[in-house]
Amino acid sequence: MRIQRPIISAKALGREIRDQRKLLGLNQASTGRLVGVHQTTLSAVERGVSNVKIDTLLKIIAALRLELLIQPIQSQETPWEKIWNSDGS
């Protein structure tokens, strides 16, 4: 079982998608075909630089046997602007 980590940026989400794809032994081209997107789109998502549609992102997540869980941030001390403007590492 993989360790669950908070995702607070597109870059962090992209890393999780890439790690899961590799764990499943898939390359970007085959994953793209499975979902119906170009390899370049998947590459951009994995780098966290894509303005991908939410439905495409959810298809990628589902195809890689992941799920998106939304929950409140545990620390109420950090303003959301600081979280959003961080690199999300």
Protein backbone atom coordinates (compact mmCIF):
# COMPACT_ATOMS: atom_id res chain seq x y z
CA MET A 1 0.00 0.00 0.00
CA ARG A 2 1.31 3.47 -0.91
CA ILE A 3 1.61 6.23 1.65
CA GLN A 4 -1.11 8.85 1.33
CA ARG A 5 0.23 12.36 0.89
CA PRO A 6 -1.65 15.65 0.72
CA ILE A 7 -1.94 17.09 -2.78
CA ILE A 8 -1.88 20.88 -2.72
CA SER A 9 -0.59 21.69 -6.21
CA ALA A 10 -0.78 20.54 -9.81
CA LYS A 11 2.89 19.58 -9.57
CA ALA A 12 2.26 17.28 -6.58
CA LEU A 13 -0.76 15.70 -8.30
CA GLY A 14 1.32 15.14 -11.42
CA ARG A 15 4.00 13.34 -9.42
CA GLU A 16 1.41 11.03 -7.87
CA ILE A 17 -0.06 10.25 -11.29
CA ARG A 18 3.41 9.56 -12.72
CA ASP A 19 4.40 7.35 -9.78
CA GLN A 20 1.21 5.30 -10.03
CA ARG A 21 1.55 4.92 -13.82
CA LYS A 22 5.10 3.63 -13.38
CA LEU A 23 4.02 1.35 -10.52
CA LEU A 24 1.50 -0.21 -12.91
CA GLY A 25 4.21 -0.66 -15.55
CA LEU A 26 2.58 1.68 -18.07
CA ASN A 27 4.22 4.24 -20.30
CA GLN A 28 2.72 7.62 -21.14
CA ALA A 29 1.67 6.61 -24.66
CA SER A 30 -0.26 3.52 -23.58
CA THR A 31 -1.88 5.38 -20.69
CA GLY A 32 -2.86 8.19 -23.04
CA ARG A 33 -4.46 5.73 -25.45
CA LEU A 34 -6.33 4.10 -22.58
CA VAL A 35 -7.79 7.45 -21.53
CA GLY A 36 -8.12 8.99 -24.98
CA VAL A 37 -5.51 11.76 -24.70
CA HIS A 38 -2.21 12.37 -26.44
CA GLN A 39 1.03 11.37 -24.75
CA THR A 40 2.00 15.06 -24.69
CA THR A 41 -1.11 15.87 -22.65
CA LEU A 42 -0.29 13.18 -20.11
CA SER A 43 3.30 14.39 -19.96
CA ALA A 44 2.10 17.93 -19.21
CA VAL A 45 -0.25 16.65 -16.48
CA GLU A 46 2.61 14.72 -14.88
CA ARG A 47 4.79 17.85 -14.90
CA GLY A 48 1.96 19.90 -13.39
CA VAL A 49 1.94 22.42 -16.23
CA SER A 50 -1.26 21.52 -18.03
CA ASN A 51 -4.59 23.31 -17.97
CA VAL A 52 -6.32 19.98 -18.46
CA LYS A 53 -10.09 19.65 -18.23
CA ILE A 54 -11.31 18.23 -14.94
CA ASP A 55 -13.09 15.33 -16.67
CA THR A 56 -9.86 14.37 -18.45
CA LEU A 57 -7.96 14.53 -15.18
CA LEU A 58 -10.56 12.34 -13.48
CA LYS A 59 -10.35 9.82 -16.35
CA ILE A 60 -6.59 9.62 -15.92
CA ILE A 61 -6.95 9.17 -12.17
CA ALA A 62 -9.55 6.41 -12.60
CA ALA A 63 -7.61 4.63 -15.35
CA LEU A 64 -4.61 4.43 -13.03
CA ARG A 65 -6.75 2.90 -10.28
CA LEU A 66 -6.57 6.01 -8.10
CA GLU A 67 -9.31 8.04 -6.49
CA LEU A 68 -9.58 11.68 -5.59
CA LEU A 69 -10.45 12.35 -1.96
CA ILE A 70 -11.25 15.89 -0.88
CA GLN A 71 -11.07 16.82 2.77
CA PRO A 72 -10.50 19.92 4.88
CA ILE A 73 -6.91 21.04 5.42
CA GLN A 74 -5.83 19.83 8.84
CA SER A 75 -3.99 23.02 9.81
CA GLN A 76 -6.21 26.06 10.07
CA GLU A 77 -3.18 28.26 10.77
CA THR A 78 -1.89 28.59 7.21
CA PRO A 79 -3.83 30.94 4.91
CA TRP A 80 -5.00 29.32 1.68
CA GLU A 81 -3.03 31.85 -0.39
CA LYS A 82 0.24 30.64 1.11
CA ILE A 83 -0.68 27.02 0.39
CA TRP A 84 -1.72 27.81 -3.19
CA ASN A 85 1.39 29.86 -3.93
CA SER A 86 3.76 27.21 -2.59
CA ASP A 87 5.35 24.73 -4.98
CA GLY A 88 3.33 21.91 -3.40
CA SER A 89 6.33 19.68 -2.87
